[in-house]
Amino acid sequence: MGVSVARIRVLVVDDHRIFAESLAAALAAEADVEVAAAGSGPAALRCLERAAAEGRGYDVLLADAELGALAVPAPRQGPGQPGPVDGIALVGAVRVARPSVRTVVLAEKDDPARAALALQAGACGWVAKDSSLQRLLAVIRGVLRDETHLPAALLTGVLRELLADRKHRTESEKLVESLTPREREVLRCMVAGLGRKAVAERLFLSPHTVRTHMQNVLGKLGVHSTLAAVALARRAGVGPADLAQEPEPGPVRRIMAGVATPGTAPRRVAETPE
């Protein structure tokens, strides 16, 4: 009896059908490789989900760096339906949905900035599309040993990009740390996309008070718009407010709730800016 060979399951994701099918056929010629192909990010995510449900999950995903770049934008999807996903976004989505799957980005050209983004999103490798099949197979097997693979010519540029990003993130973190707890709460609501009225209702504050907090946030962060504040907040690692969870009422609200007469609503109390 022959010894069974553990097969590596690979999913090729590229919207250029001829390239995807050619690459899949070349990889499938290897005795220990099993391959499938998908033509878009949403299709790839569906393949991963279906394979996991069948107990035959993929080991490695090869994603086109420019996935969907030439595609016509798809119409808005319904609830629960994924929309267009580019190559780098797909890497991040796979890291969240299927963290055991190793992702490798296939690129037409070496781009340190894009490669750095791919690594930050969770990619384990960056390979030129014109690399030899043996080189690609070496990367596939390497990432399964928890190795990270980059072309030597990209190393310096990628390190420079990562260091610059870290510097900007550190500066953004320091600015966010200058905010008061209430201002950080307002900033998280801004990151969640809430307007002034919605923030006021959520935090039990008056719109005037929220406006003051927002102005203070913009001033302390050194920006002139909500969009710029949100971008800086995300760079600093500030996540959106959890809209599914009600915030803790402030001390005045708690006191009034405690002294309200049974069967009657507590009286409205005007807030003072915090």
Protein backbone atom coordinates (compact mmCIF):
# COMPACT_ATOMS: atom_id res chain seq x y z
CA MET A 1 0.00 0.00 0.00
CA GLY A 2 1.23 3.51 -0.84
CA VAL A 3 1.64 6.15 1.82
CA SER A 4 -1.06 8.83 1.53
CA VAL A 5 0.26 12.35 0.96
CA ALA A 6 -1.19 15.24 2.96
CA ARG A 7 -2.59 17.60 0.34
CA ILE A 8 -2.30 21.38 0.49
CA ARG A 9 -5.62 23.00 -0.41
CA VAL A 10 -5.10 26.26 -2.31
CA LEU A 11 -7.68 28.82 -3.46
CA VAL A 12 -6.63 31.14 -6.30
CA VAL A 13 -8.55 34.43 -6.39
CA ASP A 14 -8.18 36.53 -9.54
CA ASP A 15 -10.73 38.26 -11.76
CA HIS A 16 -8.62 37.52 -14.85
CA ARG A 17 -10.13 34.12 -15.64
CA ILE A 18 -7.41 32.88 -18.01
CA PHE A 19 -4.64 33.66 -15.51
CA ALA A 20 -6.55 32.10 -12.59
CA GLU A 21 -7.33 28.90 -14.51
CA SER A 22 -3.77 28.61 -15.87
CA LEU A 23 -2.23 29.06 -12.44
CA ALA A 24 -4.69 26.63 -10.86
CA ALA A 25 -3.89 24.00 -13.51
CA ALA A 26 -0.13 24.43 -13.00
CA LEU A 27 -0.43 24.07 -9.21
CA ALA A 28 -2.79 21.10 -9.51
CA ALA A 29 -0.07 19.19 -11.37
CA GLU A 30 1.77 18.90 -8.05
CA ALA A 31 1.02 15.62 -6.25
CA ASP A 32 0.45 17.31 -2.88
CA VAL A 33 -1.60 20.31 -4.04
CA GLU A 34 -5.38 20.58 -4.55
CA VAL A 35 -6.60 23.79 -6.16
CA ALA A 36 -9.79 25.74 -6.79
CA ALA A 37 -10.31 29.21 -8.27
CA ALA A 38 -12.63 32.13 -7.54
CA GLY A 39 -13.17 35.26 -9.63
CA SER A 40 -13.93 37.82 -6.92
CA GLY A 41 -13.53 38.60 -3.23
CA PRO A 42 -17.13 37.74 -2.28
CA ALA A 43 -16.91 34.48 -4.26
CA ALA A 44 -13.68 33.61 -2.42
CA LEU A 45 -15.27 34.24 0.97
CA ARG A 46 -18.20 32.01 0.02
CA CYS A 47 -15.78 29.27 -1.07
CA LEU A 48 -13.93 29.48 2.24
CA GLU A 49 -17.17 29.31 4.22
CA ARG A 50 -18.52 26.38 2.24
CA ALA A 51 -15.25 24.43 2.47
CA ALA A 52 -15.04 25.00 6.23
CA ALA A 53 -18.63 23.79 6.66
CA GLU A 54 -17.73 20.61 4.78
CA GLY A 55 -14.68 20.05 7.00
CA ARG A 56 -12.29 20.54 4.10
CA GLY A 57 -11.00 24.05 4.71
CA TYR A 58 -8.39 25.71 2.52
CA ASP A 59 -4.81 26.07 3.73
CA VAL A 60 -3.58 28.90 1.51
CA LEU A 61 -5.32 31.67 -0.42
CA LEU A 62 -3.54 33.38 -3.34
CA ALA A 63 -5.10 36.81 -3.90
CA ASP A 64 -4.56 39.19 -6.81
CA ALA A 65 -3.27 42.52 -5.43
CA GLU A 66 -5.41 44.42 -7.96
CA LEU A 67 -8.50 42.27 -7.54
CA GLY A 68 -11.54 44.12 -8.84
CA ALA A 69 -9.54 47.19 -9.87
CA LEU A 70 -11.02 47.16 -13.38
CA ALA A 71 -14.45 45.85 -12.44
CA VAL A 72 -17.59 47.94 -12.69
CA PRO A 73 -18.80 48.73 -9.14
CA ALA A 74 -21.44 46.24 -8.08
CA PRO A 75 -24.85 47.44 -6.90
CA ARG A 76 -25.39 47.76 -3.18
CA GLN A 77 -25.81 44.35 -1.62
CA GLY A 78 -28.61 43.34 0.69
CA PRO A 79 -28.10 42.68 4.41
CA GLY A 80 -25.52 39.99 5.00
CA GLN A 81 -24.35 40.02 1.37
CA PRO A 82 -20.69 41.04 0.87
CA GLY A 83 -20.00 43.87 -1.56
CA PRO A 84 -16.94 44.38 -3.77
CA VAL A 85 -13.68 43.36 -2.08
CA ASP A 86 -10.22 44.30 -3.43
CA GLY A 87 -7.11 42.19 -2.89
CA ILE A 88 -5.86 43.87 0.27
CA ALA A 89 -9.35 44.08 1.77
CA LEU A 90 -9.82 40.38 1.02
CA VAL A 91 -6.66 39.58 3.02
CA GLY A 92 -8.10 41.42 6.03
CA ALA A 93 -11.49 39.77 5.65
CA VAL A 94 -9.91 36.32 5.52
CA ARG A 95 -7.83 37.02 8.62
CA VAL A 96 -11.04 37.82 10.51
CA ALA A 97 -13.28 35.10 9.03
CA ARG A 98 -10.75 32.25 8.63
CA PRO A 99 -7.60 33.05 10.65
CA SER A 100 -6.13 29.59 9.99
CA VAL A 101 -5.92 30.30 6.25
CA ARG A 102 -2.55 31.72 5.12
CA THR A 103 -2.83 34.43 2.47
CA VAL A 104 -0.28 35.32 -0.21
CA VAL A 105 -0.67 38.34 -2.50
CA LEU A 106 0.11 38.00 -6.21
CA ALA A 107 1.23 41.26 -7.78
CA GLU A 108 1.92 42.56 -11.28
CA LYS A 109 4.70 44.78 -9.92
CA ASP A 110 6.61 45.33 -6.70
CA ASP A 111 5.04 48.12 -4.66
CA PRO A 112 6.46 48.68 -1.13
CA ALA A 113 3.45 50.71 0.02
CA ARG A 114 0.92 48.09 -1.13
CA ALA A 115 3.07 45.26 0.21
CA ALA A 116 3.23 46.96 3.61
CA LEU A 117 -0.57 47.34 3.60
CA ALA A 118 -0.91 43.66 2.72
CA LEU A 119 1.32 42.60 5.62
CA GLN A 120 -0.60 44.84 8.02
CA ALA A 121 -3.85 43.29 6.77
CA GLY A 122 -2.51 39.82 7.57
CA ALA A 123 -0.76 38.57 4.42
CA CYS A 124 2.08 36.12 4.87
CA GLY A 125 3.70 36.73 1.51
CA TRP A 126 3.99 38.90 -1.60
CA VAL A 127 4.92 37.24 -4.89
CA ALA A 128 5.29 38.68 -8.39
CA LYS A 129 2.91 37.12 -10.92
CA ASP A 130 5.80 36.42 -13.27
CA SER A 131 7.67 34.36 -10.64
CA SER A 132 8.45 30.75 -11.47
CA LEU A 133 6.11 28.01 -10.37
CA GLN A 134 8.84 26.61 -8.12
CA ARG A 135 9.21 29.99 -6.40
CA LEU A 136 5.45 30.18 -5.79
CA LEU A 137 5.37 26.62 -4.44
CA ALA A 138 8.25 27.44 -2.10
CA VAL A 139 6.27 30.41 -0.76
CA ILE A 140 3.09 28.33 -0.34
CA ARG A 141 4.95 25.69 1.64
CA GLY A 142 6.87 28.34 3.57
CA VAL A 143 3.85 30.26 4.82
CA LEU A 144 2.42 26.98 6.12
CA ARG A 145 5.53 26.85 8.33
CA ASP A 146 4.60 30.34 9.62
CA GLU A 147 7.24 32.03 7.46
CA THR A 148 6.77 35.47 5.89
CA HIS A 149 7.96 35.79 2.30
CA LEU A 150 8.90 39.04 0.53
CA PRO A 151 11.12 39.63 -2.51
CA ALA A 152 14.55 40.82 -1.38
CA ALA A 153 14.18 43.99 -3.48
CA LEU A 154 11.10 44.96 -1.46
CA LEU A 155 12.47 44.51 2.05
CA THR A 156 14.00 47.97 2.50
CA GLY A 157 10.97 49.76 1.08
CA VAL A 158 8.49 47.75 3.12
CA LEU A 159 10.43 48.31 6.36
CA ARG A 160 10.52 52.04 5.63
CA GLU A 161 6.75 52.06 5.06
CA LEU A 162 6.05 50.12 8.26
CA LEU A 163 8.32 52.38 10.34
CA ALA A 164 6.71 55.52 8.89
CA ASP A 165 3.25 54.13 9.60
CA ARG A 166 4.26 53.31 13.16
CA LYS A 167 5.57 56.86 13.65
CA HIS A 168 2.30 58.35 12.39
CA ARG A 169 0.32 55.95 14.58
CA THR A 170 2.35 56.89 17.65
CA GLU A 171 1.80 60.59 16.99
CA SER A 172 -1.92 59.98 16.52
CA GLU A 173 -2.08 57.94 19.74
CA LYS A 174 -0.49 60.83 21.68
CA LEU A 175 -3.07 63.27 20.31
CA VAL A 176 -5.95 60.95 21.24
CA GLU A 177 -4.51 60.55 24.74
CA SER A 178 -4.85 64.33 25.21
CA LEU A 179 -8.64 64.01 25.04
CA THR A 180 -10.81 63.78 28.15
CA PRO A 181 -12.76 60.52 28.69
CA ARG A 182 -15.96 62.23 27.47
CA GLU A 183 -14.20 63.60 24.38
CA ARG A 184 -12.87 60.12 23.57
CA GLU A 185 -16.42 58.82 23.91
CA VAL A 186 -17.64 61.46 21.47
CA LEU A 187 -14.77 60.60 19.10
CA ARG A 188 -15.78 56.92 19.11
CA CYS A 189 -19.31 57.98 18.20
CA MET A 190 -17.86 60.05 15.34
CA VAL A 191 -15.91 57.00 14.15
CA ALA A 192 -19.21 55.06 14.20
CA GLY A 193 -20.63 57.66 11.81
CA LEU A 194 -23.06 59.32 14.23
CA GLY A 195 -24.04 62.95 13.72
CA ARG A 196 -24.36 65.55 16.47
CA LYS A 197 -28.03 64.81 17.25
CA ALA A 198 -27.44 61.04 17.39
CA VAL A 199 -24.41 61.51 19.66
CA ALA A 200 -26.49 63.73 21.96
CA GLU A 201 -29.24 61.12 22.24
CA ARG A 202 -26.78 58.30 22.81
CA LEU A 203 -24.74 60.07 25.50
CA PHE A 204 -27.72 61.83 27.16
CA LEU A 205 -26.26 65.26 26.38
CA SER A 206 -27.67 68.36 24.76
CA PRO A 207 -26.74 69.04 21.12
CA HIS A 208 -25.00 72.22 22.27
CA THR A 209 -22.82 70.25 24.68
CA VAL A 210 -21.99 67.71 21.97
CA ARG A 211 -21.07 70.53 19.59
CA THR A 212 -18.67 71.88 22.20
CA HIS A 213 -17.10 68.44 22.69
CA MET A 214 -16.73 67.96 18.93
CA GLN A 215 -15.05 71.34 18.55
CA ASN A 216 -12.68 70.45 21.38
CA VAL A 217 -11.90 67.11 19.75
CA LEU A 218 -11.05 68.74 16.41
CA GLY A 219 -8.91 71.38 18.14
CA LYS A 220 -6.92 68.92 20.25
CA LEU A 221 -6.37 66.58 17.29
CA GLY A 222 -5.26 69.51 15.12
CA VAL A 223 -7.74 68.79 12.31
CA HIS A 224 -10.49 70.81 10.66
CA SER A 225 -13.14 68.25 9.77
CA THR A 226 -14.93 65.22 11.16
CA LEU A 227 -13.52 63.06 8.34
CA ALA A 228 -9.96 64.03 9.25
CA ALA A 229 -10.65 63.33 12.93
CA VAL A 230 -12.06 59.90 12.08
CA ALA A 231 -9.04 59.08 9.89
CA LEU A 232 -6.65 60.09 12.68
CA ALA A 233 -8.66 58.12 15.24
CA ARG A 234 -8.54 54.97 13.14
CA ARG A 235 -4.79 55.41 12.67
CA ALA A 236 -4.48 55.57 16.45
CA GLY A 237 -6.49 52.37 16.83
CA VAL A 238 -9.69 54.00 18.09
CA GLY A 239 -12.66 51.82 17.24
CA PRO A 240 -16.28 52.88 16.75
CA ALA A 241 -18.73 53.06 19.62
CA ASP A 242 -20.70 49.85 20.10
CA LEU A 243 -24.11 50.99 18.94
CA ALA A 244 -25.71 47.75 20.14
CA GLN A 245 -24.77 48.56 23.74
CA GLU A 246 -26.36 51.39 25.66
CA PRO A 247 -23.82 53.70 27.35
CA GLU A 248 -23.77 54.09 31.10
CA PRO A 249 -25.90 57.11 32.13
CA GLY A 250 -24.01 60.01 33.69
CA PRO A 251 -24.12 60.72 37.45
CA VAL A 252 -26.94 63.28 37.21
CA ARG A 253 -29.08 60.82 35.28
CA ARG A 254 -28.42 58.06 37.79
CA ILE A 255 -29.37 60.33 40.71
CA MET A 256 -32.60 61.50 39.06
CA ALA A 257 -33.54 57.94 38.15
CA GLY A 258 -33.06 56.94 41.76
CA VAL A 259 -35.28 59.68 43.21
CA ALA A 260 -38.06 59.53 40.62
CA THR A 261 -41.50 58.85 42.03
CA PRO A 262 -42.72 55.33 41.15
CA GLY A 263 -44.99 55.41 38.13
CA THR A 264 -43.64 58.74 36.90
CA ALA A 265 -40.82 59.52 34.54
CA PRO A 266 -37.81 61.31 36.03
CA ARG A 267 -37.71 65.04 35.38
CA ARG A 268 -35.42 66.22 32.60
CA VAL A 269 -32.27 67.81 33.92
CA ALA A 270 -30.20 70.19 31.86
CA GLU A 271 -26.66 68.93 31.49
CA THR A 272 -23.59 71.01 31.99
CA PRO A 273 -20.68 70.46 29.60
CA GLU A 274 -18.36 67.72 30.88
